[in-house]
């Protein structure tokens, strides 16, 4: 059973690395294709178009940036990463149920 738990741990770590790298790549790609209106420049620290006044920061408007920003949301906490706790709970529960169902009348 502990071999299965180790494999589950490695899978979760790999899952987190894929989400982390995917988000970083999408952020950098979004910044590379962002276009801002006149008087605005792209500020990579806040990922918005800025005219120098923080109250007037706006999102870039080109279609490529909008789609990339949407994909970041789907990969992040409102999408795939949001399912992580449910996946962990289901996998651990199935491991324990499997142990109890396969043991029969013998003791562990």
PDB file of N, CA and C in Angstrom:
ATOM      1  N   UNK A   1       0.811  -1.187   0.000  1.00  0.00           N
ATOM      2  CA  UNK A   1       0.000   0.000   0.000  1.00  0.00           C
ATOM      3  C   UNK A   1       0.859   1.257   0.000  1.00  0.00           C
ATOM      4  N   UNK A   2       1.982   1.196   0.729  1.00  0.00           N
ATOM      5  CA  UNK A   2       2.827   2.383   0.777  1.00  0.00           C
ATOM      6  C   UNK A   2       3.521   2.642  -0.555  1.00  0.00           C
ATOM      7  N   UNK A   3       3.717   1.589  -1.342  1.00  0.00           N
ATOM      8  CA  UNK A   3       4.239   1.801  -2.697  1.00  0.00           C
ATOM      9  C   UNK A   3       3.225   2.577  -3.535  1.00  0.00           C
ATOM     10  N   UNK A   4       1.961   2.256  -3.350  1.00  0.00           N
ATOM     11  CA  UNK A   4       0.907   2.980  -4.075  1.00  0.00           C
ATOM     12  C   UNK A   4       0.824   4.434  -3.619  1.00  0.00           C
ATOM     13  N   UNK A   5       0.985   4.659  -2.309  1.00  0.00           N
ATOM     14  CA  UNK A   5       0.972   6.032  -1.807  1.00  0.00           C
ATOM     15  C   UNK A   5       2.171   6.819  -2.316  1.00  0.00           C
ATOM     16  N   UNK A   6       3.323   6.166  -2.433  1.00  0.00           N
ATOM     17  CA  UNK A   6       4.503   6.837  -2.988  1.00  0.00           C
ATOM     18  C   UNK A   6       4.267   7.215  -4.444  1.00  0.00           C
ATOM     19  N   UNK A   7       3.679   6.302  -5.189  1.00  0.00           N
ATOM     20  CA  UNK A   7       3.376   6.596  -6.593  1.00  0.00           C
ATOM     21  C   UNK A   7       2.375   7.733  -6.699  1.00  0.00           C
ATOM     22  N   UNK A   8       1.392   7.767  -5.800  1.00  0.00           N
ATOM     23  CA  UNK A   8       0.425   8.865  -5.782  1.00  0.00           C
ATOM     24  C   UNK A   8       1.124  10.189  -5.486  1.00  0.00           C
ATOM     25  N   UNK A   9       2.051  10.172  -4.542  1.00  0.00           N
ATOM     26  CA  UNK A   9       2.818  11.381  -4.222  1.00  0.00           C
ATOM     27  C   UNK A   9       3.626  11.876  -5.405  1.00  0.00           C
ATOM     28  N   UNK A  10       4.298  10.967  -6.093  1.00  0.00           N
ATOM     29  CA  UNK A  10       5.064  11.359  -7.287  1.00  0.00           C
ATOM     30  C   UNK A  10       4.147  11.924  -8.369  1.00  0.00           C
ATOM     31  N   UNK A  11       2.970  11.343  -8.514  1.00  0.00           N
ATOM     32  CA  UNK A  11       2.017  11.846  -9.499  1.00  0.00           C
ATOM     33  C   UNK A  11       1.535  13.247  -9.164  1.00  0.00           C
ATOM     34  N   UNK A  12       1.277  13.506  -7.893  1.00  0.00           N
ATOM     35  CA  UNK A  12       0.826  14.835  -7.483  1.00  0.00           C
ATOM     36  C   UNK A  12       1.937  15.863  -7.685  1.00  0.00           C
ATOM     37  N   UNK A  13       3.165  15.489  -7.367  1.00  0.00           N
ATOM     38  CA  UNK A  13       4.296  16.399  -7.582  1.00  0.00           C
ATOM     39  C   UNK A  13       4.454  16.709  -9.066  1.00  0.00           C
ATOM     40  N   UNK A  14       4.349  15.703  -9.912  1.00  0.00           N
ATOM     41  CA  UNK A  14       4.447  15.916 -11.359  1.00  0.00           C
ATOM     42  C   UNK A  14       3.302  16.800 -11.851  1.00  0.00           C
ATOM     43  N   UNK A  15       2.118  16.578 -11.335  1.00  0.00           N
ATOM     44  CA  UNK A  15       0.949  17.386 -11.679  1.00  0.00           C
ATOM     45  C   UNK A  15       1.188  18.854 -11.330  1.00  0.00           C
ATOM     46  N   UNK A  16       1.730  19.108 -10.143  1.00  0.00           N
ATOM     47  CA  UNK A  16       2.007  20.482  -9.710  1.00  0.00           C
ATOM     48  C   UNK A  16       3.084  21.135 -10.565  1.00  0.00           C
ATOM     49  N   UNK A  17       4.104  20.376 -10.937  1.00  0.00           N
ATOM     50  CA  UNK A  17       5.170  20.923 -11.783  1.00  0.00           C
ATOM     51  C   UNK A  17       4.627  21.290 -13.159  1.00  0.00           C
ATOM     52  N   UNK A  18       3.785  20.442 -13.726  1.00  0.00           N
ATOM     53  CA  UNK A  18       3.199  20.727 -15.041  1.00  0.00           C
ATOM     54  C   UNK A  18       2.348  21.990 -14.976  1.00  0.00           C
ATOM     55  N   UNK A  19       1.538  22.141 -13.926  1.00  0.00           N
ATOM     56  CA  UNK A  19       0.711  23.337 -13.791  1.00  0.00           C
ATOM     57  C   UNK A  19       1.585  24.573 -13.617  1.00  0.00           C
ATOM     58  N   UNK A  20       2.625  24.473 -12.785  1.00  0.00           N
ATOM     59  CA  UNK A  20       3.513  25.618 -12.553  1.00  0.00           C
ATOM     60  C   UNK A  20       4.248  26.059 -13.798  1.00  0.00           C
ATOM     61  N   UNK A  21       4.836  25.109 -14.508  1.00  0.00           N
ATOM     62  CA  UNK A  21       5.568  25.448 -15.730  1.00  0.00           C
ATOM     63  C   UNK A  21       4.610  25.956 -16.804  1.00  0.00           C
ATOM     64  N   UNK A  22       3.453  25.330 -16.923  1.00  0.00           N
ATOM     65  CA  UNK A  22       2.473  25.780 -17.914  1.00  0.00           C
ATOM     66  C   UNK A  22       2.014  27.203 -17.657  1.00  0.00           C
ATOM     67  N   UNK A  23       1.803  27.555 -16.397  1.00  0.00           N
ATOM     68  CA  UNK A  23       1.379  28.916 -16.071  1.00  0.00           C
ATOM     69  C   UNK A  23       2.466  29.921 -16.383  1.00  0.00           C
ATOM     70  N   UNK A  24       3.711  29.607 -16.035  1.00  0.00           N
ATOM     71  CA  UNK A  24       4.825  30.524 -16.319  1.00  0.00           C
ATOM     72  C   UNK A  24       4.983  30.732 -17.819  1.00  0.00           C
ATOM     73  N   UNK A  25       4.891  29.656 -18.586  1.00  0.00           N
ATOM     74  CA  UNK A  25       5.017  29.767 -20.042  1.00  0.00           C
ATOM     75  C   UNK A  25       3.887  30.617 -20.609  1.00  0.00           C
ATOM     76  N   UNK A  26       2.654  30.410 -20.127  1.00  0.00           N
ATOM     77  CA  UNK A  26       1.530  31.197 -20.635  1.00  0.00           C
ATOM     78  C   UNK A  26       1.651  32.673 -20.262  1.00  0.00           C
ATOM     79  N   UNK A  27       2.150  32.966 -19.066  1.00  0.00           N
ATOM     80  CA  UNK A  27       2.334  34.365 -18.669  1.00  0.00           C
ATOM     81  C   UNK A  27       3.357  35.040 -19.570  1.00  0.00           C
ATOM     82  N   UNK A  28       4.470  34.374 -19.821  1.00  0.00           N
ATOM     83  CA  UNK A  28       5.509  34.955 -20.677  1.00  0.00           C
ATOM     84  C   UNK A  28       5.026  35.083 -22.116  1.00  0.00           C
ATOM     85  N   UNK A  29       4.277  34.104 -22.599  1.00  0.00           N
ATOM     86  CA  UNK A  29       3.741  34.175 -23.950  1.00  0.00           C
ATOM     87  C   UNK A  29       2.731  35.316 -24.064  1.00  0.00           C
ATOM     88  N   UNK A  30       1.867  35.453 -23.047  1.00  0.00           N
ATOM     89  CA  UNK A  30       0.892  36.538 -23.050  1.00  0.00           C
ATOM     90  C   UNK A  30       1.557  37.900 -23.052  1.00  0.00           C
ATOM     91  N   UNK A  31       2.635  38.048 -22.296  1.00  0.00           N
ATOM     92  CA  UNK A  31       3.364  39.313 -22.277  1.00  0.00           C
ATOM     93  C   UNK A  31       4.048  39.614 -23.597  1.00  0.00           C
ATOM     94  N   UNK A  32       4.477  38.571 -24.292  1.00  0.00           N
ATOM     95  CA  UNK A  32       5.169  38.765 -25.566  1.00  0.00           C
ATOM     96  C   UNK A  32       4.214  39.215 -26.665  1.00  0.00           C
ATOM     97  N   UNK A  33       2.947  38.851 -26.586  1.00  0.00           N
ATOM     98  CA  UNK A  33       2.009  39.198 -27.656  1.00  0.00           C
ATOM     99  C   UNK A  33       1.029  40.303 -27.266  1.00  0.00           C
ATOM    100  N   UNK A  34       1.169  40.836 -26.033  1.00  0.00           N
ATOM    101  CA  UNK A  34       0.225  41.863 -25.577  1.00  0.00           C
ATOM    102  C   UNK A  34       0.413  43.159 -26.355  1.00  0.00           C
ATOM    103  N   UNK A  35      -0.691  43.741 -26.780  1.00  0.00           N
ATOM    104  CA  UNK A  35      -0.661  45.064 -27.403  1.00  0.00           C
ATOM    105  C   UNK A  35      -1.565  45.993 -26.615  1.00  0.00           C
ATOM    106  N   UNK A  36      -1.092  47.212 -26.424  1.00  0.00           N
ATOM    107  CA  UNK A  36      -1.816  48.192 -25.616  1.00  0.00           C
ATOM    108  C   UNK A  36      -2.265  49.355 -26.488  1.00  0.00           C
ATOM    109  N   UNK A  37      -3.268  50.067 -26.000  1.00  0.00           N
ATOM    110  CA  UNK A  37      -3.765  51.230 -26.711  1.00  0.00           C
ATOM    111  C   UNK A  37      -2.756  52.373 -26.685  1.00  0.00           C
ATOM    112  N   UNK A  38      -3.087  53.453 -27.369  1.00  0.00           N
ATOM    113  CA  UNK A  38      -2.166  54.584 -27.431  1.00  0.00           C
ATOM    114  C   UNK A  38      -2.017  55.220 -26.050  1.00  0.00           C
ATOM    115  N   UNK A  39      -0.792  55.550 -25.698  1.00  0.00           N
ATOM    116  CA  UNK A  39      -0.499  56.144 -24.405  1.00  0.00           C
ATOM    117  C   UNK A  39      -0.234  55.128 -23.312  1.00  0.00           C
ATOM    118  N   UNK A  40      -0.412  53.843 -23.614  1.00  0.00           N
ATOM    119  CA  UNK A  40      -0.186  52.789 -22.628  1.00  0.00           C
ATOM    120  C   UNK A  40       0.998  51.928 -23.047  1.00  0.00           C
ATOM    121  N   UNK A  41       1.712  51.412 -22.069  1.00  0.00           N
ATOM    122  CA  UNK A  41       2.789  50.445 -22.314  1.00  0.00           C
ATOM    123  C   UNK A  41       2.518  49.223 -21.450  1.00  0.00           C
ATOM    124  N   UNK A  42       2.991  48.080 -21.911  1.00  0.00           N
ATOM    125  CA  UNK A  42       2.760  46.832 -21.175  1.00  0.00           C
ATOM    126  C   UNK A  42       3.696  46.774 -19.975  1.00  0.00           C
ATOM    127  N   UNK A  43       3.127  46.557 -18.802  1.00  0.00           N
ATOM    128  CA  UNK A  43       3.886  46.429 -17.566  1.00  0.00           C
ATOM    129  C   UNK A  43       3.887  44.955 -17.177  1.00  0.00           C
ATOM    130  N   UNK A  44       5.045  44.302 -17.272  1.00  0.00           N
ATOM    131  CA  UNK A  44       5.113  42.862 -17.050  1.00  0.00           C
ATOM    132  C   UNK A  44       4.987  42.487 -15.574  1.00  0.00           C
ATOM    133  N   UNK A  45       5.197  43.416 -14.649  1.00  0.00           N
ATOM    134  CA  UNK A  45       5.067  43.065 -13.236  1.00  0.00           C
ATOM    135  C   UNK A  45       3.610  42.894 -12.819  1.00  0.00           C
ATOM    136  N   UNK A  46       2.707  43.608 -13.449  1.00  0.00           N
ATOM    137  CA  UNK A  46       1.281  43.465 -13.131  1.00  0.00           C
ATOM    138  C   UNK A  46       0.496  42.847 -14.278  1.00  0.00           C
ATOM    139  N   UNK A  47       1.159  42.544 -15.385  1.00  0.00           N
ATOM    140  CA  UNK A  47       0.532  41.964 -16.579  1.00  0.00           C
ATOM    141  C   UNK A  47      -0.636  42.787 -17.078  1.00  0.00           C
ATOM    142  N   UNK A  48      -0.444  44.095 -17.118  1.00  0.00           N
ATOM    143  CA  UNK A  48      -1.469  44.995 -17.623  1.00  0.00           C
ATOM    144  C   UNK A  48      -0.810  46.141 -18.380  1.00  0.00           C
ATOM    145  N   UNK A  49      -1.618  46.849 -19.140  1.00  0.00           N
ATOM    146  CA  UNK A  49      -1.153  48.052 -19.826  1.00  0.00           C
ATOM    147  C   UNK A  49      -1.266  49.219 -18.851  1.00  0.00           C
ATOM    148  N   UNK A  50      -0.210  49.997 -18.772  1.00  0.00           N
ATOM    149  CA  UNK A  50      -0.178  51.073 -17.789  1.00  0.00           C
ATOM    150  C   UNK A  50       0.220  52.378 -18.461  1.00  0.00           C
ATOM    151  N   UNK A  51      -0.321  53.465 -17.947  1.00  0.00           N
ATOM    152  CA  UNK A  51       0.095  54.773 -18.428  1.00  0.00           C
ATOM    153  C   UNK A  51       0.890  55.520 -17.359  1.00  0.00           C
ATOM    154  N   UNK A  52       1.373  54.799 -16.372  1.00  0.00           N
ATOM    155  CA  UNK A  52       2.173  55.391 -15.306  1.00  0.00           C
ATOM    156  C   UNK A  52       1.387  55.635 -14.039  1.00  0.00           C
ATOM    157  N   UNK A  53       0.081  55.605 -14.106  1.00  0.00           N
ATOM    158  CA  UNK A  53      -0.759  55.798 -12.932  1.00  0.00           C
ATOM    159  C   UNK A  53      -1.388  54.456 -12.578  1.00  0.00           C
ATOM    160  N   UNK A  54      -1.126  53.922 -11.372  1.00  0.00           N
ATOM    161  CA  UNK A  54      -1.652  52.590 -11.036  1.00  0.00           C
ATOM    162  C   UNK A  54      -3.170  52.483 -11.122  1.00  0.00           C
ATOM    163  N   UNK A  55      -3.887  53.557 -10.928  1.00  0.00           N
ATOM    164  CA  UNK A  55      -5.346  53.482 -10.970  1.00  0.00           C
ATOM    165  C   UNK A  55      -5.864  53.299 -12.392  1.00  0.00           C
ATOM    166  N   UNK A  56      -5.023  53.515 -13.386  1.00  0.00           N
ATOM    167  CA  UNK A  56      -5.472  53.441 -14.778  1.00  0.00           C
ATOM    168  C   UNK A  56      -4.843  52.272 -15.529  1.00  0.00           C
ATOM    169  N   UNK A  57      -4.509  51.203 -14.822  1.00  0.00           N
ATOM    170  CA  UNK A  57      -4.018  50.003 -15.481  1.00  0.00           C
ATOM    171  C   UNK A  57      -5.189  49.261 -16.123  1.00  0.00           C
ATOM    172  N   UNK A  58      -5.006  48.829 -17.369  1.00  0.00           N
ATOM    173  CA  UNK A  58      -6.054  48.100 -18.089  1.00  0.00           C
ATOM    174  C   UNK A  58      -5.452  46.844 -18.708  1.00  0.00           C
ATOM    175  N   UNK A  59      -6.300  45.880 -19.017  1.00  0.00           N
ATOM    176  CA  UNK A  59      -5.841  44.651 -19.667  1.00  0.00           C
ATOM    177  C   UNK A  59      -5.553  44.926 -21.131  1.00  0.00           C
ATOM    178  N   UNK A  60      -4.552  44.239 -21.704  1.00  0.00           N
ATOM    179  CA  UNK A  60      -4.361  44.323 -23.156  1.00  0.00           C
ATOM    180  C   UNK A  60      -5.609  43.811 -23.873  1.00  0.00           C
ATOM    181  N   UNK A  61      -5.817  44.308 -25.073  1.00  0.00           N
ATOM    182  CA  UNK A  61      -7.082  44.016 -25.750  1.00  0.00           C
ATOM    183  C   UNK A  61      -6.968  43.077 -26.943  1.00  0.00           C
ATOM    184  N   UNK A  62      -5.761  42.725 -27.372  1.00  0.00           N
ATOM    185  CA  UNK A  62      -5.690  41.880 -28.562  1.00  0.00           C
ATOM    186  C   UNK A  62      -6.160  40.461 -28.258  1.00  0.00           C
ATOM    187  N   UNK A  63      -6.659  39.796 -29.276  1.00  0.00           N
ATOM    188  CA  UNK A  63      -7.256  38.476 -29.109  1.00  0.00           C
ATOM    189  C   UNK A  63      -6.307  37.422 -28.588  1.00  0.00           C
ATOM    190  N   UNK A  64      -5.050  37.477 -28.997  1.00  0.00           N
ATOM    191  CA  UNK A  64      -4.075  36.500 -28.520  1.00  0.00           C
ATOM    192  C   UNK A  64      -3.865  36.586 -27.026  1.00  0.00           C
ATOM    193  N   UNK A  65      -3.782  37.795 -26.508  1.00  0.00           N
ATOM    194  CA  UNK A  65      -3.588  37.955 -25.066  1.00  0.00           C
ATOM    195  C   UNK A  65      -4.835  37.528 -24.301  1.00  0.00           C
ATOM    196  N   UNK A  66      -6.001  37.835 -24.819  1.00  0.00           N
ATOM    197  CA  UNK A  66      -7.245  37.452 -24.147  1.00  0.00           C
ATOM    198  C   UNK A  66      -7.343  35.935 -24.064  1.00  0.00           C
ATOM    199  N   UNK A  67      -7.033  35.232 -25.139  1.00  0.00           N
ATOM    200  CA  UNK A  67      -7.082  33.762 -25.129  1.00  0.00           C
ATOM    201  C   UNK A  67      -6.038  33.174 -24.200  1.00  0.00           C
ATOM    202  N   UNK A  68      -4.842  33.736 -24.187  1.00  0.00           N
ATOM    203  CA  UNK A  68      -3.787  33.249 -23.302  1.00  0.00           C
ATOM    204  C   UNK A  68      -4.163  33.473 -21.847  1.00  0.00           C
ATOM    205  N   UNK A  69      -4.733  34.617 -21.528  1.00  0.00           N
ATOM    206  CA  UNK A  69      -5.178  34.912 -20.171  1.00  0.00           C
ATOM    207  C   UNK A  69      -6.281  33.947 -19.741  1.00  0.00           C
ATOM    208  N   UNK A  70      -7.183  33.603 -20.651  1.00  0.00           N
ATOM    209  CA  UNK A  70      -8.239  32.631 -20.358  1.00  0.00           C
ATOM    210  C   UNK A  70      -7.639  31.258 -20.045  1.00  0.00           C
ATOM    211  N   UNK A  71      -6.649  30.847 -20.839  1.00  0.00           N
ATOM    212  CA  UNK A  71      -6.005  29.550 -20.598  1.00  0.00           C
ATOM    213  C   UNK A  71      -5.287  29.523 -19.264  1.00  0.00           C
ATOM    214  N   UNK A  72      -4.683  30.656 -18.854  1.00  0.00           N
ATOM    215  CA  UNK A  72      -4.046  30.707 -17.533  1.00  0.00           C
ATOM    216  C   UNK A  72      -5.084  30.477 -16.443  1.00  0.00           C
ATOM    217  N   UNK A  73      -6.260  31.040 -16.598  1.00  0.00           N
ATOM    218  CA  UNK A  73      -7.326  30.819 -15.623  1.00  0.00           C
ATOM    219  C   UNK A  73      -7.792  29.379 -15.593  1.00  0.00           C
ATOM    220  N   UNK A  74      -7.863  28.742 -16.754  1.00  0.00           N
ATOM    221  CA  UNK A  74      -8.291  27.348 -16.817  1.00  0.00           C
ATOM    222  C   UNK A  74      -7.236  26.395 -16.263  1.00  0.00           C
ATOM    223  N   UNK A  75      -5.974  26.788 -16.317  1.00  0.00           N
ATOM    224  CA  UNK A  75      -4.905  25.957 -15.779  1.00  0.00           C
ATOM    225  C   UNK A  75      -4.730  26.195 -14.298  1.00  0.00           C
ATOM    226  N   UNK A  76      -5.068  27.386 -13.831  1.00  0.00           N
ATOM    227  CA  UNK A  76      -4.852  27.766 -12.445  1.00  0.00           C
ATOM    228  C   UNK A  76      -5.949  27.308 -11.510  1.00  0.00           C
ATOM    229  N   UNK A  77      -6.126  28.060 -10.423  1.00  0.00           N
ATOM    230  CA  UNK A  77      -7.019  27.634  -9.347  1.00  0.00           C
ATOM    231  C   UNK A  77      -8.484  27.571  -9.762  1.00  0.00           C
ATOM    232  N   UNK A  78      -8.885  28.292 -10.792  1.00  0.00           N
ATOM    233  CA  UNK A  78     -10.284  28.209 -11.220  1.00  0.00           C
ATOM    234  C   UNK A  78     -10.507  27.103 -12.239  1.00  0.00           C
ATOM    235  N   UNK A  79      -9.479  26.364 -12.563  1.00  0.00           N
ATOM    236  CA  UNK A  79      -9.610  25.296 -13.550  1.00  0.00           C
ATOM    237  C   UNK A  79      -9.019  23.985 -13.053  1.00  0.00           C
ATOM    238  N   UNK A  80      -7.993  23.520 -13.735  1.00  0.00           N
ATOM    239  CA  UNK A  80      -7.400  22.215 -13.469  1.00  0.00           C
ATOM    240  C   UNK A  80      -6.825  22.106 -12.066  1.00  0.00           C
ATOM    241  N   UNK A  81      -6.103  23.116 -11.608  1.00  0.00           N
ATOM    242  CA  UNK A  81      -5.505  23.058 -10.279  1.00  0.00           C
ATOM    243  C   UNK A  81      -6.561  23.060  -9.182  1.00  0.00           C
ATOM    244  N   UNK A  82      -7.730  23.572  -9.461  1.00  0.00           N
ATOM    245  CA  UNK A  82      -8.813  23.561  -8.483  1.00  0.00           C
ATOM    246  C   UNK A  82      -9.336  22.168  -8.186  1.00  0.00           C
ATOM    247  N   UNK A  83      -9.104  21.229  -9.088  1.00  0.00           N
ATOM    248  CA  UNK A  83      -9.542  19.848  -8.890  1.00  0.00           C
ATOM    249  C   UNK A  83      -8.545  19.018  -8.082  1.00  0.00           C
ATOM    250  N   UNK A  84      -7.372  19.556  -7.796  1.00  0.00           N
ATOM    251  CA  UNK A  84      -6.326  18.792  -7.122  1.00  0.00           C
ATOM    252  C   UNK A  84      -6.770  18.208  -5.781  1.00  0.00           C
ATOM    253  N   UNK A  85      -7.396  18.969  -4.873  1.00  0.00           N
ATOM    254  CA  UNK A  85      -7.814  18.355  -3.600  1.00  0.00           C
ATOM    255  C   UNK A  85      -8.802  17.203  -3.788  1.00  0.00           C
ATOM    256  N   UNK A  86      -9.710  17.332  -4.739  1.00  0.00           N
ATOM    257  CA  UNK A  86     -10.667  16.256  -4.984  1.00  0.00           C
ATOM    258  C   UNK A  86      -9.968  15.016  -5.537  1.00  0.00           C
ATOM    259  N   UNK A  87      -8.995  15.209  -6.410  1.00  0.00           N
ATOM    260  CA  UNK A  87      -8.253  14.080  -6.980  1.00  0.00           C
ATOM    261  C   UNK A  87      -7.475  13.357  -5.884  1.00  0.00           C
ATOM    262  N   UNK A  88      -6.841  14.122  -4.990  1.00  0.00           N
ATOM    263  CA  UNK A  88      -6.068  13.521  -3.897  1.00  0.00           C
ATOM    264  C   UNK A  88      -6.993  12.734  -2.971  1.00  0.00           C
ATOM    265  N   UNK A  89      -8.098  13.339  -2.569  1.00  0.00           N
ATOM    266  CA  UNK A  89      -9.025  12.666  -1.654  1.00  0.00           C
ATOM    267  C   UNK A  89      -9.595  11.394  -2.278  1.00  0.00           C
ATOM    268  N   UNK A  90      -9.962  11.443  -3.541  1.00  0.00           N
ATOM    269  CA  UNK A  90     -10.502  10.276  -4.219  1.00  0.00           C
ATOM    270  C   UNK A  90      -9.458   9.163  -4.320  1.00  0.00           C
ATOM    271  N   UNK A  91      -8.230   9.515  -4.693  1.00  0.00           N
ATOM    272  CA  UNK A  91      -7.182   8.501  -4.853  1.00  0.00           C
ATOM    273  C   UNK A  91      -6.837   7.842  -3.522  1.00  0.00           C
ATOM    274  N   UNK A  92      -6.679   8.618  -2.460  1.00  0.00           N
ATOM    275  CA  UNK A  92      -6.354   8.034  -1.157  1.00  0.00           C
ATOM    276  C   UNK A  92      -7.521   7.188  -0.653  1.00  0.00           C
ATOM    277  N   UNK A  93      -8.748   7.661  -0.832  1.00  0.00           N
ATOM    278  CA  UNK A  93      -9.910   6.875  -0.430  1.00  0.00           C
ATOM    279  C   UNK A  93      -9.999   5.553  -1.166  1.00  0.00           C
ATOM    280  N   UNK A  94      -9.720   5.572  -2.466  1.00  0.00           N
ATOM    281  CA  UNK A  94      -9.746   4.331  -3.247  1.00  0.00           C
ATOM    282  C   UNK A  94      -8.647   3.367  -2.800  1.00  0.00           C
ATOM    283  N   UNK A  95      -7.472   3.902  -2.430  1.00  0.00           N
ATOM    284  CA  UNK A  95      -6.399   3.035  -1.936  1.00  0.00           C
ATOM    285  C   UNK A  95      -6.826   2.326  -0.654  1.00  0.00           C
ATOM    286  N   UNK A  96      -7.398   3.061   0.291  1.00  0.00           N
ATOM    287  CA  UNK A  96      -7.824   2.443   1.540  1.00  0.00           C
ATOM    288  C   UNK A  96      -8.976   1.477   1.334  1.00  0.00           C
ATOM    289  N   UNK A  97      -9.928   1.827   0.493  1.00  0.00           N
ATOM    290  CA  UNK A  97     -11.018   0.893   0.198  1.00  0.00           C
ATOM    291  C   UNK A  97     -10.490  -0.374  -0.458  1.00  0.00           C
ATOM    292  N   UNK A  98      -9.531  -0.224  -1.331  1.00  0.00           N
ATOM    293  CA  UNK A  98      -8.936  -1.389  -1.976  1.00  0.00           C
ATOM    294  C   UNK A  98      -8.266  -2.320  -0.989  1.00  0.00           C
ATOM    295  N   UNK A  99      -7.583  -1.766   0.000  1.00  0.00           N
ATOM    296  CA  UNK A  99      -6.935  -2.597   1.017  1.00  0.00           C
ATOM    297  C   UNK A  99      -7.976  -3.355   1.822  1.00  0.00           C
ATOM    298  N   UNK A 100      -9.033  -2.690   2.242  1.00  0.00           N
ATOM    299  CA  UNK A 100     -10.037  -3.349   3.068  1.00  0.00           C
ATOM    300  C   UNK A 100     -10.870  -4.356   2.275  1.00  0.00           C
ATOM    301  N   UNK A 101     -11.098  -4.113   1.004  1.00  0.00           N
ATOM    302  CA  UNK A 101     -11.897  -5.038   0.210  1.00  0.00           C
ATOM    303  C   UNK A 101     -11.111  -6.268  -0.230  1.00  0.00           C
ATOM    304  N   UNK A 102      -9.813  -6.149  -0.396  1.00  0.00           N
ATOM    305  CA  UNK A 102      -9.030  -7.286  -0.869  1.00  0.00           C
ATOM    306  C   UNK A 102      -8.490  -8.155   0.252  1.00  0.00           C
ATOM    307  N   UNK A 103      -8.566  -7.705   1.482  1.00  0.00           N
ATOM    308  CA  UNK A 103      -7.972  -8.502   2.555  1.00  0.00           C
ATOM    309  C   UNK A 103      -8.833  -9.688   2.952  1.00  0.00           C
ATOM    310  N   UNK A 104     -10.131  -9.664   2.717  1.00  0.00           N
ATOM    311  CA  UNK A 104     -11.008 -10.790   3.027  1.00  0.00           C
ATOM    312  C   UNK A 104     -11.101 -11.022   4.515  1.00  0.00           C
ATOM    313  N   UNK A 105     -10.916 -12.279   4.925  1.00  0.00           N
ATOM    314  CA  UNK A 105     -11.007 -12.653   6.362  1.00  0.00           C
ATOM    315  C   UNK A 105      -9.658 -12.676   7.048  1.00  0.00           C
ATOM    316  N   UNK A 106      -8.592 -12.424   6.339  1.00  0.00           N
ATOM    317  CA  UNK A 106      -7.269 -12.456   6.953  1.00  0.00           C
ATOM    318  C   UNK A 106      -6.940 -11.101   7.563  1.00  0.00           C
ATOM    319  N   UNK A 107      -6.026 -11.091   8.513  1.00  0.00           N
ATOM    320  CA  UNK A 107      -5.634  -9.856   9.196  1.00  0.00           C
ATOM    321  C   UNK A 107      -4.484  -9.202   8.455  1.00  0.00           C
ATOM    322  N   UNK A 108      -4.407  -7.893   8.611  1.00  0.00           N
ATOM    323  CA  UNK A 108      -3.339  -7.138   7.935  1.00  0.00           C
ATOM    324  C   UNK A 108      -2.073  -7.217   8.762  1.00  0.00           C
TER     325      UNK A 108
END
